[in-house]
Amino acid sequence: MFKAVIFDIGHTLVEYKNPMNWSLLYRPAFEQIALKYHYHFSEEHYQNAGNVLTRYNTRIHPRDYEVSSTQIFTEILHGMGINLEDMKQIKESFYSYFTQDCSLFPDVLQTVKALSGKGIKLGTLSDVAYGMDNVYALQDIEQIIKYMDYPFTSNDTGYRKPCTKGLELLSEKMQIALPEIVFVGDEEKDMVCAGEAGAYAVLINRDGMIKNFGQDKTLHTLTELLSLF
């Protein structure tokens, strides 16, 4: 019998309009920052920011460990000649550029609310983009955060999927064995992580394309998850 559900966030609970690989949007994001805060960036500045972000782009360079936003933006700001005191406003503007059009999928609230009402422990385990601080990453699930007993990201665990350490840590925190935990995600790395950790792997497949990622179960709407409980 399952006692807990852990969710990925992006494209599982929250819909984003931007592509999963942000490479083509680095410059527009920094152009917005320049306009908002009256910076004057040269081509060299834009190239520097793009080079740093590309190095930390896990779609291009996968890694198991997490890197902090402070580390990433310290490198960017040094290369652009910007005072580190400006880091907070630049990070906020950069991350908000990519999350400005996000929204919960319509089936999320009722599903999470129903699971919580059944006494099922709930959590998240999501890989953040470019060290995105939780204050930004978790605001995308602000409507349902009260139902999440353990709202975790890779910032909290220090590791990225498919590394199993994040799920193992949540299992310890919840005091629930991994075979009694359902992990719901939309990517292959989510299913690999769940399978190797020993959790029950559930793929949310909203586009209906054939996806064989080694999942234990495939859902087309999140409300179908309730059938497991």
C-alpha atoms as a PDB file:
ATOM      1  CA  MET A   1       0.000   0.000   0.000  1.00  0.00           C
ATOM      2  CA  PHE A   2       1.335   3.421  -0.940  1.00  0.00           C
ATOM      3  CA  LYS A   3       1.686   6.004   1.803  1.00  0.00           C
ATOM      4  CA  ALA A   4       3.251   8.999   0.048  1.00  0.00           C
ATOM      5  CA  VAL A   5       3.479  10.776  -3.296  1.00  0.00           C
ATOM      6  CA  ILE A   6       6.419  12.869  -4.436  1.00  0.00           C
ATOM      7  CA  PHE A   7       5.989  15.077  -7.487  1.00  0.00           C
ATOM      8  CA  ASP A   8       8.333  16.620  -9.975  1.00  0.00           C
ATOM      9  CA  ILE A   9       7.225  20.241 -10.513  1.00  0.00           C
ATOM     10  CA  GLY A  10       7.947  21.437 -14.058  1.00  0.00           C
ATOM     11  CA  HIS A  11       5.607  19.977 -16.702  1.00  0.00           C
ATOM     12  CA  THR A  12       4.210  17.630 -14.048  1.00  0.00           C
ATOM     13  CA  LEU A  13       2.390  20.088 -11.787  1.00  0.00           C
ATOM     14  CA  VAL A  14       3.202  23.351 -13.565  1.00  0.00           C
ATOM     15  CA  GLU A  15       2.964  24.208 -17.251  1.00  0.00           C
ATOM     16  CA  TYR A  16       5.678  26.454 -18.683  1.00  0.00           C
ATOM     17  CA  LYS A  17       5.417  28.122 -22.087  1.00  0.00           C
ATOM     18  CA  ASN A  18       9.178  28.297 -22.620  1.00  0.00           C
ATOM     19  CA  PRO A  19      11.225  25.389 -24.064  1.00  0.00           C
ATOM     20  CA  MET A  20      12.942  23.076 -21.608  1.00  0.00           C
ATOM     21  CA  ASN A  21      16.334  24.156 -22.945  1.00  0.00           C
ATOM     22  CA  TRP A  22      16.669  27.900 -22.307  1.00  0.00           C
ATOM     23  CA  SER A  23      19.737  28.461 -24.510  1.00  0.00           C
ATOM     24  CA  LEU A  24      18.035  30.647 -27.099  1.00  0.00           C
ATOM     25  CA  LEU A  25      16.518  32.849 -24.407  1.00  0.00           C
ATOM     26  CA  TYR A  26      19.670  33.858 -22.507  1.00  0.00           C
ATOM     27  CA  ARG A  27      20.079  37.077 -24.460  1.00  0.00           C
ATOM     28  CA  PRO A  28      16.405  38.172 -24.358  1.00  0.00           C
ATOM     29  CA  ALA A  29      16.433  37.615 -20.595  1.00  0.00           C
ATOM     30  CA  PHE A  30      19.490  39.820 -20.150  1.00  0.00           C
ATOM     31  CA  GLU A  31      18.127  42.407 -22.560  1.00  0.00           C
ATOM     32  CA  GLN A  32      15.110  42.656 -20.252  1.00  0.00           C
ATOM     33  CA  ILE A  33      17.456  43.088 -17.281  1.00  0.00           C
ATOM     34  CA  ALA A  34      19.365  45.830 -19.102  1.00  0.00           C
ATOM     35  CA  LEU A  35      16.134  47.659 -19.922  1.00  0.00           C
ATOM     36  CA  LYS A  36      14.727  47.358 -16.424  1.00  0.00           C
ATOM     37  CA  TYR A  37      17.849  48.419 -14.530  1.00  0.00           C
ATOM     38  CA  HIS A  38      19.483  50.684 -17.144  1.00  0.00           C
ATOM     39  CA  TYR A  39      22.584  48.601 -17.739  1.00  0.00           C
ATOM     40  CA  HIS A  40      24.552  49.058 -20.940  1.00  0.00           C
ATOM     41  CA  PHE A  41      25.704  45.617 -22.052  1.00  0.00           C
ATOM     42  CA  SER A  42      28.095  45.092 -24.938  1.00  0.00           C
ATOM     43  CA  GLU A  43      28.164  42.081 -27.249  1.00  0.00           C
ATOM     44  CA  GLU A  44      31.029  40.774 -25.143  1.00  0.00           C
ATOM     45  CA  HIS A  45      28.874  41.043 -22.017  1.00  0.00           C
ATOM     46  CA  TYR A  46      26.022  39.094 -23.582  1.00  0.00           C
ATOM     47  CA  GLN A  47      28.467  36.484 -24.847  1.00  0.00           C
ATOM     48  CA  ASN A  48      29.996  36.124 -21.387  1.00  0.00           C
ATOM     49  CA  ALA A  49      26.604  35.567 -19.765  1.00  0.00           C
ATOM     50  CA  GLY A  50      25.700  33.024 -22.430  1.00  0.00           C
ATOM     51  CA  ASN A  51      28.970  31.154 -22.022  1.00  0.00           C
ATOM     52  CA  VAL A  52      28.560  30.852 -18.249  1.00  0.00           C
ATOM     53  CA  LEU A  53      24.942  29.758 -18.500  1.00  0.00           C
ATOM     54  CA  THR A  54      25.799  27.212 -21.197  1.00  0.00           C
ATOM     55  CA  ARG A  55      28.411  25.674 -18.902  1.00  0.00           C
ATOM     56  CA  TYR A  56      25.719  25.148 -16.272  1.00  0.00           C
ATOM     57  CA  ASN A  57      22.988  24.079 -18.717  1.00  0.00           C
ATOM     58  CA  THR A  58      22.174  20.523 -17.644  1.00  0.00           C
ATOM     59  CA  ARG A  59      20.389  19.838 -20.936  1.00  0.00           C
ATOM     60  CA  ILE A  60      23.821  20.182 -22.533  1.00  0.00           C
ATOM     61  CA  HIS A  61      26.073  19.164 -19.640  1.00  0.00           C
ATOM     62  CA  PRO A  62      24.199  16.783 -17.286  1.00  0.00           C
ATOM     63  CA  ARG A  63      25.440  16.504 -13.702  1.00  0.00           C
ATOM     64  CA  ASP A  64      24.380  14.688 -10.538  1.00  0.00           C
ATOM     65  CA  TYR A  65      25.226  17.464  -8.087  1.00  0.00           C
ATOM     66  CA  GLU A  66      23.518  20.840  -7.727  1.00  0.00           C
ATOM     67  CA  VAL A  67      25.244  24.221  -8.117  1.00  0.00           C
ATOM     68  CA  SER A  68      24.048  27.320  -6.277  1.00  0.00           C
ATOM     69  CA  SER A  69      22.689  30.389  -8.016  1.00  0.00           C
ATOM     70  CA  THR A  70      25.272  32.427  -6.120  1.00  0.00           C
ATOM     71  CA  GLN A  71      28.106  30.532  -7.789  1.00  0.00           C
ATOM     72  CA  ILE A  72      26.591  30.887 -11.251  1.00  0.00           C
ATOM     73  CA  PHE A  73      25.687  34.558 -10.991  1.00  0.00           C
ATOM     74  CA  THR A  74      28.968  35.509  -9.352  1.00  0.00           C
ATOM     75  CA  GLU A  75      30.690  34.265 -12.500  1.00  0.00           C
ATOM     76  CA  ILE A  76      28.213  36.094 -14.746  1.00  0.00           C
ATOM     77  CA  LEU A  77      28.410  39.403 -12.892  1.00  0.00           C
ATOM     78  CA  HIS A  78      32.198  39.364 -12.672  1.00  0.00           C
ATOM     79  CA  GLY A  79      32.398  38.863 -16.427  1.00  0.00           C
ATOM     80  CA  MET A  80      29.939  41.700 -17.073  1.00  0.00           C
ATOM     81  CA  GLY A  81      31.516  44.145 -14.632  1.00  0.00           C
ATOM     82  CA  ILE A  82      28.416  44.330 -12.441  1.00  0.00           C
ATOM     83  CA  ASN A  83      28.639  44.892  -8.686  1.00  0.00           C
ATOM     84  CA  LEU A  84      27.747  41.761  -6.717  1.00  0.00           C
ATOM     85  CA  GLU A  85      25.390  43.894  -4.640  1.00  0.00           C
ATOM     86  CA  ASP A  86      23.086  43.838  -7.676  1.00  0.00           C
ATOM     87  CA  MET A  87      22.893  40.046  -7.704  1.00  0.00           C
ATOM     88  CA  LYS A  88      19.499  39.717  -6.015  1.00  0.00           C
ATOM     89  CA  GLN A  89      17.661  41.982  -8.445  1.00  0.00           C
ATOM     90  CA  ILE A  90      19.352  40.415 -11.459  1.00  0.00           C
ATOM     91  CA  LYS A  91      18.563  36.864 -10.347  1.00  0.00           C
ATOM     92  CA  GLU A  92      14.957  37.796  -9.663  1.00  0.00           C
ATOM     93  CA  SER A  93      14.565  39.385 -13.084  1.00  0.00           C
ATOM     94  CA  PHE A  94      16.322  36.519 -14.864  1.00  0.00           C
ATOM     95  CA  TYR A  95      14.276  33.755 -13.268  1.00  0.00           C
ATOM     96  CA  SER A  96      10.996  35.640 -13.580  1.00  0.00           C
ATOM     97  CA  TYR A  97      11.589  35.977 -17.326  1.00  0.00           C
ATOM     98  CA  PHE A  98      11.292  32.212 -17.676  1.00  0.00           C
ATOM     99  CA  THR A  99       8.416  31.640 -15.249  1.00  0.00           C
ATOM    100  CA  GLN A 100       6.197  34.619 -16.085  1.00  0.00           C
ATOM    101  CA  ASP A 101       3.642  32.596 -18.050  1.00  0.00           C
ATOM    102  CA  CYS A 102       3.561  29.483 -15.876  1.00  0.00           C
ATOM    103  CA  SER A 103       0.386  28.019 -14.381  1.00  0.00           C
ATOM    104  CA  LEU A 104      -0.786  24.883 -12.591  1.00  0.00           C
ATOM    105  CA  PHE A 105      -2.307  22.253 -14.833  1.00  0.00           C
ATOM    106  CA  PRO A 106      -6.104  22.208 -14.324  1.00  0.00           C
ATOM    107  CA  ASP A 107      -6.101  18.725 -12.734  1.00  0.00           C
ATOM    108  CA  VAL A 108      -3.480  19.472 -10.082  1.00  0.00           C
ATOM    109  CA  LEU A 109      -5.337  21.244  -7.297  1.00  0.00           C
ATOM    110  CA  GLN A 110      -8.174  18.745  -6.957  1.00  0.00           C
ATOM    111  CA  THR A 111      -5.770  15.783  -7.089  1.00  0.00           C
ATOM    112  CA  VAL A 112      -3.381  17.145  -4.469  1.00  0.00           C
ATOM    113  CA  LYS A 113      -6.252  18.212  -2.240  1.00  0.00           C
ATOM    114  CA  ALA A 114      -7.864  14.763  -2.483  1.00  0.00           C
ATOM    115  CA  LEU A 115      -4.612  12.957  -1.680  1.00  0.00           C
ATOM    116  CA  SER A 116      -3.953  15.188   1.299  1.00  0.00           C
ATOM    117  CA  GLY A 117      -7.496  14.551   2.504  1.00  0.00           C
ATOM    118  CA  LYS A 118      -6.776  10.815   2.484  1.00  0.00           C
ATOM    119  CA  GLY A 119      -3.816  11.339   4.817  1.00  0.00           C
ATOM    120  CA  ILE A 120      -1.224  10.670   2.113  1.00  0.00           C
ATOM    121  CA  LYS A 121       2.070  12.452   2.738  1.00  0.00           C
ATOM    122  CA  LEU A 122       3.031  14.706  -0.140  1.00  0.00           C
ATOM    123  CA  GLY A 123       6.268  16.214  -1.343  1.00  0.00           C
ATOM    124  CA  THR A 124       8.131  17.533  -4.349  1.00  0.00           C
ATOM    125  CA  LEU A 125      11.525  16.736  -5.809  1.00  0.00           C
ATOM    126  CA  SER A 126      12.362  19.006  -8.690  1.00  0.00           C
ATOM    127  CA  ASP A 127      15.644  19.911 -10.338  1.00  0.00           C
ATOM    128  CA  VAL A 128      16.052  23.678 -10.408  1.00  0.00           C
ATOM    129  CA  ALA A 129      17.358  25.505 -13.465  1.00  0.00           C
ATOM    130  CA  TYR A 130      20.652  27.357 -13.076  1.00  0.00           C
ATOM    131  CA  GLY A 131      20.573  27.103  -9.291  1.00  0.00           C
ATOM    132  CA  MET A 132      17.181  28.827  -9.077  1.00  0.00           C
ATOM    133  CA  ASP A 133      16.565  29.581  -5.412  1.00  0.00           C
ATOM    134  CA  ASN A 134      13.550  27.965  -3.779  1.00  0.00           C
ATOM    135  CA  VAL A 135      11.947  31.352  -3.239  1.00  0.00           C
ATOM    136  CA  TYR A 136      11.494  31.457  -7.023  1.00  0.00           C
ATOM    137  CA  ALA A 137      11.162  27.740  -7.801  1.00  0.00           C
ATOM    138  CA  LEU A 138       8.450  27.074  -5.224  1.00  0.00           C
ATOM    139  CA  GLN A 139       6.388  30.166  -5.957  1.00  0.00           C
ATOM    140  CA  ASP A 140       5.184  28.328  -9.062  1.00  0.00           C
ATOM    141  CA  ILE A 141       3.256  25.948  -6.770  1.00  0.00           C
ATOM    142  CA  GLU A 142       2.110  28.650  -4.368  1.00  0.00           C
ATOM    143  CA  GLN A 143      -1.533  27.571  -4.769  1.00  0.00           C
ATOM    144  CA  ILE A 144      -0.820  24.080  -3.457  1.00  0.00           C
ATOM    145  CA  ILE A 145       2.194  24.562  -1.204  1.00  0.00           C
ATOM    146  CA  LYS A 146       0.040  24.187   1.914  1.00  0.00           C
ATOM    147  CA  TYR A 147      -0.666  20.575   0.911  1.00  0.00           C
ATOM    148  CA  MET A 148       3.017  19.718   0.506  1.00  0.00           C
ATOM    149  CA  ASP A 149       4.559  18.247   3.646  1.00  0.00           C
ATOM    150  CA  TYR A 150       8.023  18.215   2.060  1.00  0.00           C
ATOM    151  CA  PRO A 151       8.398  20.782  -0.752  1.00  0.00           C
ATOM    152  CA  PHE A 152      11.953  19.918  -1.822  1.00  0.00           C
ATOM    153  CA  THR A 153      14.098  20.824  -4.791  1.00  0.00           C
ATOM    154  CA  SER A 154      17.634  19.902  -5.758  1.00  0.00           C
ATOM    155  CA  ASN A 155      18.718  22.889  -3.640  1.00  0.00           C
ATOM    156  CA  ASP A 156      17.601  20.979  -0.544  1.00  0.00           C
ATOM    157  CA  THR A 157      19.110  17.629  -1.470  1.00  0.00           C
ATOM    158  CA  GLY A 158      22.262  18.802  -3.240  1.00  0.00           C
ATOM    159  CA  TYR A 159      21.681  16.294  -6.047  1.00  0.00           C
ATOM    160  CA  ARG A 160      19.871  16.182  -9.373  1.00  0.00           C
ATOM    161  CA  LYS A 161      17.872  13.369 -10.913  1.00  0.00           C
ATOM    162  CA  PRO A 162      18.408  10.625 -11.978  1.00  0.00           C
ATOM    163  CA  CYS A 163      20.678  10.428  -8.929  1.00  0.00           C
ATOM    164  CA  THR A 164      18.623   8.631  -6.273  1.00  0.00           C
ATOM    165  CA  LYS A 165      19.942  10.547  -3.259  1.00  0.00           C
ATOM    166  CA  GLY A 166      17.090  13.060  -3.332  1.00  0.00           C
ATOM    167  CA  LEU A 167      14.389  10.390  -3.131  1.00  0.00           C
ATOM    168  CA  GLU A 168      16.365   8.557  -0.476  1.00  0.00           C
ATOM    169  CA  LEU A 169      16.552  11.724   1.625  1.00  0.00           C
ATOM    170  CA  LEU A 170      12.814  12.339   1.288  1.00  0.00           C
ATOM    171  CA  SER A 171      12.125   8.735   2.264  1.00  0.00           C
ATOM    172  CA  GLU A 172      14.138   9.297   5.443  1.00  0.00           C
ATOM    173  CA  LYS A 173      12.398  12.595   6.187  1.00  0.00           C
ATOM    174  CA  MET A 174       8.960  11.075   5.649  1.00  0.00           C
ATOM    175  CA  GLN A 175       9.918   7.898   7.529  1.00  0.00           C
ATOM    176  CA  ILE A 176       8.300   5.923   4.746  1.00  0.00           C
ATOM    177  CA  ALA A 177      10.063   3.130   2.853  1.00  0.00           C
ATOM    178  CA  LEU A 178      10.763   3.817  -0.814  1.00  0.00           C
ATOM    179  CA  PRO A 179       8.573   0.930  -2.116  1.00  0.00           C
ATOM    180  CA  GLU A 180       5.647   2.677  -0.374  1.00  0.00           C
ATOM    181  CA  ILE A 181       6.332   5.967  -2.181  1.00  0.00           C
ATOM    182  CA  VAL A 182       4.924   6.965  -5.580  1.00  0.00           C
ATOM    183  CA  PHE A 183       7.103   9.294  -7.611  1.00  0.00           C
ATOM    184  CA  VAL A 184       5.346  11.225 -10.393  1.00  0.00           C
ATOM    185  CA  GLY A 185       7.277  12.926 -13.175  1.00  0.00           C
ATOM    186  CA  ASP A 186       7.213  13.662 -16.884  1.00  0.00           C
ATOM    187  CA  GLU A 187      10.768  12.844 -17.991  1.00  0.00           C
ATOM    188  CA  GLU A 188      12.909   9.770 -18.459  1.00  0.00           C
ATOM    189  CA  LYS A 189      15.287  10.895 -15.703  1.00  0.00           C
ATOM    190  CA  ASP A 190      12.332  10.933 -13.271  1.00  0.00           C
ATOM    191  CA  MET A 191      11.459   7.338 -14.082  1.00  0.00           C
ATOM    192  CA  VAL A 192      15.073   6.194 -13.892  1.00  0.00           C
ATOM    193  CA  CYS A 193      15.482   7.914 -10.535  1.00  0.00           C
ATOM    194  CA  ALA A 194      12.340   6.312  -9.117  1.00  0.00           C
ATOM    195  CA  GLY A 195      13.139   2.876 -10.494  1.00  0.00           C
ATOM    196  CA  GLU A 196      16.717   2.804  -9.238  1.00  0.00           C
ATOM    197  CA  ALA A 197      15.659   4.109  -5.820  1.00  0.00           C
ATOM    198  CA  GLY A 198      12.960   1.460  -5.481  1.00  0.00           C
ATOM    199  CA  ALA A 199       9.974   3.823  -5.555  1.00  0.00           C
ATOM    200  CA  TYR A 200       6.870   3.283  -7.717  1.00  0.00           C
ATOM    201  CA  ALA A 201       7.494   5.200 -10.959  1.00  0.00           C
ATOM    202  CA  VAL A 202       4.506   7.015 -12.470  1.00  0.00           C
ATOM    203  CA  LEU A 203       4.864   8.890 -15.756  1.00  0.00           C
ATOM    204  CA  ILE A 204       2.466  11.754 -16.450  1.00  0.00           C
ATOM    205  CA  ASN A 205       2.138  11.763 -20.238  1.00  0.00           C
ATOM    206  CA  ARG A 206      -0.034  14.703 -21.185  1.00  0.00           C
ATOM    207  CA  ASP A 207       0.753  14.760 -24.913  1.00  0.00           C
ATOM    208  CA  GLY A 208      -0.146  11.116 -25.577  1.00  0.00           C
ATOM    209  CA  MET A 209       3.089  10.266 -27.392  1.00  0.00           C
ATOM    210  CA  ILE A 210       4.608   6.814 -26.865  1.00  0.00           C
ATOM    211  CA  LYS A 211       7.119   7.017 -24.011  1.00  0.00           C
ATOM    212  CA  ASN A 212       8.790   3.922 -22.656  1.00  0.00           C
ATOM    213  CA  PHE A 213      10.960   5.141 -19.804  1.00  0.00           C
ATOM    214  CA  GLY A 214      10.691   2.058 -17.603  1.00  0.00           C
ATOM    215  CA  GLN A 215       7.746   3.466 -15.656  1.00  0.00           C
ATOM    216  CA  ASP A 216       5.472   1.265 -13.560  1.00  0.00           C
ATOM    217  CA  LYS A 217       2.374   3.186 -14.637  1.00  0.00           C
ATOM    218  CA  THR A 218       1.454   5.855 -17.174  1.00  0.00           C
ATOM    219  CA  LEU A 219      -1.175   8.532 -16.550  1.00  0.00           C
ATOM    220  CA  HIS A 220      -2.663  10.961 -19.047  1.00  0.00           C
ATOM    221  CA  THR A 221      -4.304  13.124 -16.389  1.00  0.00           C
ATOM    222  CA  LEU A 222      -3.155  13.595 -12.833  1.00  0.00           C
ATOM    223  CA  THR A 223      -6.576  12.714 -11.440  1.00  0.00           C
ATOM    224  CA  GLU A 224      -5.927   9.118 -12.555  1.00  0.00           C
ATOM    225  CA  LEU A 225      -3.364   8.978  -9.751  1.00  0.00           C
ATOM    226  CA  LEU A 226      -6.206   8.709  -7.228  1.00  0.00           C
ATOM    227  CA  SER A 227      -6.942   5.181  -8.469  1.00  0.00           C
ATOM    228  CA  LEU A 228      -3.757   4.014  -6.686  1.00  0.00           C
ATOM    229  CA  PHE A 229      -5.260   5.036  -3.345  1.00  0.00           C
END
